[in-house]
N, C-alpha and C. Protein backbone atom coordinates (compact mmCIF):
# COMPACT_ATOMS: atom_id res chain seq x y z
N MET A 1 113.48 76.51 362.93
CA MET A 1 112.82 76.07 361.70
C MET A 1 113.84 75.56 360.92
N PRO A 2 113.51 74.61 359.93
CA PRO A 2 114.32 74.10 359.04
C PRO A 2 114.62 74.88 357.66
N VAL A 3 115.75 74.83 357.07
CA VAL A 3 116.22 75.34 355.97
C VAL A 3 115.19 74.66 354.95
N GLU A 4 114.48 75.91 353.96
CA GLU A 4 113.77 75.35 352.73
C GLU A 4 114.11 76.36 351.59
N SER A 5 113.76 75.70 350.56
CA SER A 5 113.89 76.50 349.22
C SER A 5 113.02 77.61 349.12
N HIS A 6 113.43 78.75 348.75
CA HIS A 6 112.39 79.86 348.51
C HIS A 6 112.51 80.51 347.11
N MET A 7 111.72 80.89 346.42
CA MET A 7 111.65 81.96 345.28
C MET A 7 111.56 83.15 345.58
N ILE A 8 112.65 84.16 345.28
CA ILE A 8 112.53 85.41 345.74
C ILE A 8 112.28 86.20 344.30
N ARG A 9 111.26 86.79 344.13
CA ARG A 9 111.36 87.83 342.56
C ARG A 9 111.35 89.11 343.16
N ILE A 10 112.33 89.61 342.07
CA ILE A 10 112.70 91.07 342.23
C ILE A 10 112.00 92.02 341.38
N SER A 11 111.39 93.01 341.94
CA SER A 11 110.78 93.83 341.11
C SER A 11 111.35 94.50 340.08
N ASP A 12 110.75 94.94 339.12
CA ASP A 12 111.00 95.39 337.56
C ASP A 12 112.00 96.58 337.87
N ASN A 13 111.63 97.44 338.77
CA ASN A 13 112.18 98.70 339.19
C ASN A 13 113.27 98.82 340.10
N ALA A 14 113.85 97.53 340.58
CA ALA A 14 114.97 97.30 341.67
C ALA A 14 116.44 97.89 341.29
N SER A 15 117.06 98.56 341.83
CA SER A 15 118.17 99.17 341.38
C SER A 15 119.17 97.77 341.76
N GLN A 16 120.32 98.20 341.36
CA GLN A 16 121.37 97.08 341.62
C GLN A 16 121.99 96.97 342.83
N PRO A 17 121.89 98.21 343.69
CA PRO A 17 122.38 98.27 345.12
C PRO A 17 121.29 97.53 345.84
N GLN A 18 119.98 97.79 345.55
CA GLN A 18 119.05 96.87 346.24
C GLN A 18 119.19 95.26 345.99
N ILE A 19 119.54 94.99 344.87
CA ILE A 19 119.53 93.54 344.62
C ILE A 19 120.63 92.85 345.20
N GLN A 20 121.62 93.60 345.36
CA GLN A 20 122.98 93.25 346.06
C GLN A 20 122.54 93.17 347.47
N ASP A 21 121.84 94.07 348.14
CA ASP A 21 121.40 94.05 349.62
C ASP A 21 120.70 92.77 349.78
N ILE A 22 119.83 92.55 348.83
CA ILE A 22 118.69 91.23 349.16
C ILE A 22 119.65 90.03 349.30
N LEU A 23 120.66 90.02 348.09
CA LEU A 23 121.58 88.95 348.20
C LEU A 23 122.49 88.80 349.37
N LYS A 24 122.94 89.95 349.90
CA LYS A 24 123.84 89.84 351.39
C LYS A 24 122.65 89.38 352.58
N THR A 25 121.65 89.87 352.26
CA THR A 25 120.56 89.41 353.53
C THR A 25 120.37 87.96 353.61
N VAL A 26 120.31 87.78 352.51
CA VAL A 26 120.04 86.06 352.33
C VAL A 26 121.25 85.24 353.01
N LEU A 27 122.40 85.87 352.37
CA LEU A 27 123.62 85.18 352.97
C LEU A 27 123.83 85.44 354.57
N ARG A 28 123.37 86.56 354.89
CA ARG A 28 123.56 87.06 356.44
C ARG A 28 122.77 86.28 357.23
N VAL A 29 121.78 85.77 356.72
CA VAL A 29 120.94 85.04 357.79
C VAL A 29 121.13 83.46 357.61
N GLY A 30 122.37 83.15 357.00
CA GLY A 30 122.63 81.76 357.19
C GLY A 30 122.12 81.07 355.80
N GLY A 31 121.71 81.88 354.75
CA GLY A 31 121.02 81.09 353.51
C GLY A 31 122.38 81.01 352.66
N ARG A 32 121.75 80.24 351.58
CA ARG A 32 122.81 80.11 350.28
C ARG A 32 121.79 80.14 349.08
N ILE A 33 122.41 80.99 347.96
CA ILE A 33 122.09 81.36 346.73
C ILE A 33 122.25 79.91 345.85
N GLU A 34 120.99 79.33 345.63
CA GLU A 34 121.05 78.31 344.48
C GLU A 34 121.22 78.71 343.30
N MET A 35 120.35 79.56 342.83
CA MET A 35 120.10 79.91 341.44
C MET A 35 119.75 81.46 341.15
N VAL A 36 120.24 82.24 340.28
CA VAL A 36 119.80 83.23 340.06
C VAL A 36 119.51 83.24 338.40
N ALA A 37 118.44 83.41 338.03
CA ALA A 37 117.95 83.60 336.65
C ALA A 37 117.05 84.56 336.27
N GLY A 38 117.60 85.53 335.55
CA GLY A 38 116.90 86.88 335.26
C GLY A 38 116.74 87.74 336.56
N ARG A 39 115.55 87.91 337.21
CA ARG A 39 115.04 88.53 338.15
C ARG A 39 114.42 87.75 339.11
N ILE A 40 114.94 86.30 339.19
CA ILE A 40 114.22 85.19 339.81
C ILE A 40 115.55 84.76 340.85
N ILE A 41 115.34 84.63 342.05
CA ILE A 41 116.50 84.08 342.79
C ILE A 41 115.82 82.76 343.41
N ILE A 42 116.63 81.47 343.36
CA ILE A 42 116.24 80.57 344.23
C ILE A 42 117.34 80.51 345.37
N ALA A 43 116.60 80.52 346.58
CA ALA A 43 117.78 80.47 347.51
C ALA A 43 117.32 79.68 348.78
N SER A 44 118.02 78.94 349.46
CA SER A 44 117.61 78.09 350.79
C SER A 44 118.05 78.95 351.79
N PHE A 45 116.92 79.07 352.86
CA PHE A 45 117.10 79.60 354.12
C PHE A 45 116.29 79.32 355.05
N ASP A 46 116.27 79.59 356.26
CA ASP A 46 115.35 79.58 357.24
C ASP A 46 114.14 80.23 356.96
N SER A 47 113.05 79.57 357.07
CA SER A 47 111.81 80.24 356.66
C SER A 47 111.40 81.59 357.54
N ALA A 48 111.85 81.47 358.89
CA ALA A 48 111.45 82.28 359.76
C ALA A 48 111.83 83.72 359.38
N TYR A 49 113.00 83.77 358.40
CA TYR A 49 113.47 85.03 357.60
C TYR A 49 112.84 85.51 356.53
N ALA A 50 111.80 84.59 356.21
CA ALA A 50 111.07 85.07 354.69
C ALA A 50 110.36 86.38 354.86
N GLN A 51 109.80 86.65 356.02
CA GLN A 51 109.27 88.07 356.07
C GLN A 51 109.97 89.26 356.01
N ALA A 52 111.29 88.91 356.80
CA ALA A 52 112.43 90.06 356.65
C ALA A 52 112.85 89.97 355.19
N ILE A 53 113.03 89.10 354.52
CA ILE A 53 113.56 89.34 353.26
C ILE A 53 112.36 89.96 352.27
N LYS A 54 111.31 89.61 352.56
CA LYS A 54 110.06 90.18 351.82
C LYS A 54 109.93 91.78 351.92
N LYS A 55 110.18 92.04 353.23
CA LYS A 55 110.18 93.53 353.52
C LYS A 55 111.32 94.46 352.93
N LYS A 56 112.32 93.82 352.28
CA LYS A 56 113.66 94.75 351.56
C LYS A 56 113.06 95.41 350.48
N LYS A 57 113.65 96.34 350.28
CA LYS A 57 113.35 97.29 348.90
C LYS A 57 113.74 96.38 347.65
N GLY A 58 112.83 96.33 346.54
CA GLY A 58 113.27 95.82 345.40
C GLY A 58 112.54 94.42 345.31
N VAL A 59 112.19 94.02 346.45
CA VAL A 59 111.43 92.34 346.47
C VAL A 59 109.99 92.55 346.17
N ALA A 60 109.95 91.68 345.19
CA ALA A 60 108.35 91.71 344.62
C ALA A 60 107.39 90.64 345.48
N LEU A 61 108.37 89.24 345.45
CA LEU A 61 107.60 88.31 346.12
C LEU A 61 108.48 87.22 346.66
N VAL A 62 108.14 86.80 347.91
CA VAL A 62 109.12 85.43 348.38
C VAL A 62 108.14 84.57 348.74
N GLY A 63 108.40 83.31 348.27
CA GLY A 63 107.46 81.96 348.35
C GLY A 63 108.19 80.70 348.56
N GLY A 64 107.70 79.69 349.26
CA GLY A 64 108.41 78.63 349.40
C GLY A 64 108.38 77.68 348.10
N VAL A 65 109.50 76.93 347.83
CA VAL A 65 109.30 76.16 346.62
C VAL A 65 109.62 74.82 347.32
N ASP A 66 108.81 73.87 346.58
CA ASP A 66 108.95 72.27 346.89
C ASP A 66 109.39 71.52 345.94
N PHE A 67 110.65 70.97 345.75
CA PHE A 67 111.25 70.32 344.77
C PHE A 67 111.06 68.68 345.46
N ARG A 68 110.59 68.67 346.30
CA ARG A 68 110.49 67.17 346.87
C ARG A 68 109.63 66.25 345.99
N GLY A 69 110.04 64.99 345.87
CA GLY A 69 109.11 64.03 345.05
C GLY A 69 108.97 64.05 343.42
N ARG A 70 109.84 65.21 342.89
CA ARG A 70 110.04 65.33 341.71
C ARG A 70 111.21 64.58 341.20
N LYS A 71 111.18 63.82 339.95
CA LYS A 71 112.18 63.06 339.57
C LYS A 71 113.09 63.95 338.54
N VAL A 72 114.28 64.07 338.61
CA VAL A 72 115.05 64.96 337.33
C VAL A 72 115.50 63.60 336.63
N PRO A 73 115.35 63.94 335.39
CA PRO A 73 115.60 62.70 334.47
C PRO A 73 117.20 63.08 334.09
N LYS A 74 117.85 62.06 333.96
CA LYS A 74 119.20 61.91 334.23
C LYS A 74 119.63 61.76 332.45
N ILE A 75 120.27 62.90 331.98
CA ILE A 75 120.66 63.03 330.68
C ILE A 75 121.94 62.60 330.27
N ILE A 76 121.78 61.67 329.40
CA ILE A 76 123.17 60.91 328.83
C ILE A 76 123.48 61.40 327.46
N LYS A 77 124.67 62.00 327.13
CA LYS A 77 124.79 62.44 325.65
C LYS A 77 125.82 61.01 325.40
N LYS A 78 125.25 60.47 324.11
CA LYS A 78 126.37 59.27 323.63
C LYS A 78 127.11 60.15 322.27
N VAL A 79 128.52 59.96 322.32
CA VAL A 79 129.26 60.72 321.10
C VAL A 79 129.78 59.47 320.49
N SER A 80 129.52 59.32 319.25
CA SER A 80 129.97 58.48 318.45
C SER A 80 131.45 58.68 317.95
N ARG A 81 132.16 57.90 317.85
CA ARG A 81 133.59 58.00 317.47
C ARG A 81 133.57 58.15 315.91
N LYS A 82 134.30 59.08 315.28
CA LYS A 82 134.19 59.22 313.72
C LYS A 82 135.64 58.42 313.49
N GLU A 83 135.50 57.74 312.63
CA GLU A 83 136.48 56.82 311.88
C GLU A 83 137.70 57.92 311.25
N GLN A 84 138.94 57.54 311.49
CA GLN A 84 139.71 58.75 310.91
C GLN A 84 140.50 57.58 309.48
N PRO A 85 140.55 58.49 308.38
CA PRO A 85 141.12 57.79 307.36
C PRO A 85 142.58 57.42 307.57
N ASP A 86 142.97 56.78 307.30
CA ASP A 86 144.55 55.89 307.29
C ASP A 86 145.28 57.03 306.33
N SER A 87 146.50 57.36 306.97
CA SER A 87 147.43 58.37 305.95
C SER A 87 148.12 57.70 305.36
């Protein structure tokens, strides 16, 4: 199966060791942690392992995320040079 992006929602009552076990499981199955924000983990792994991760204690939800077809705007920051007074 191909590697796909997944969202993993950690339950509110999950302990720190349970969260670490979830992260280690993703890495153990050959996955990659893309982002962690609060109690949400975005990870890339083979979808065949989704049920195994979903059964881990502390996991509330595992679902596929599709980022294809979305354009990410490029942010360009322009900085104007301040003129320095002559000394």
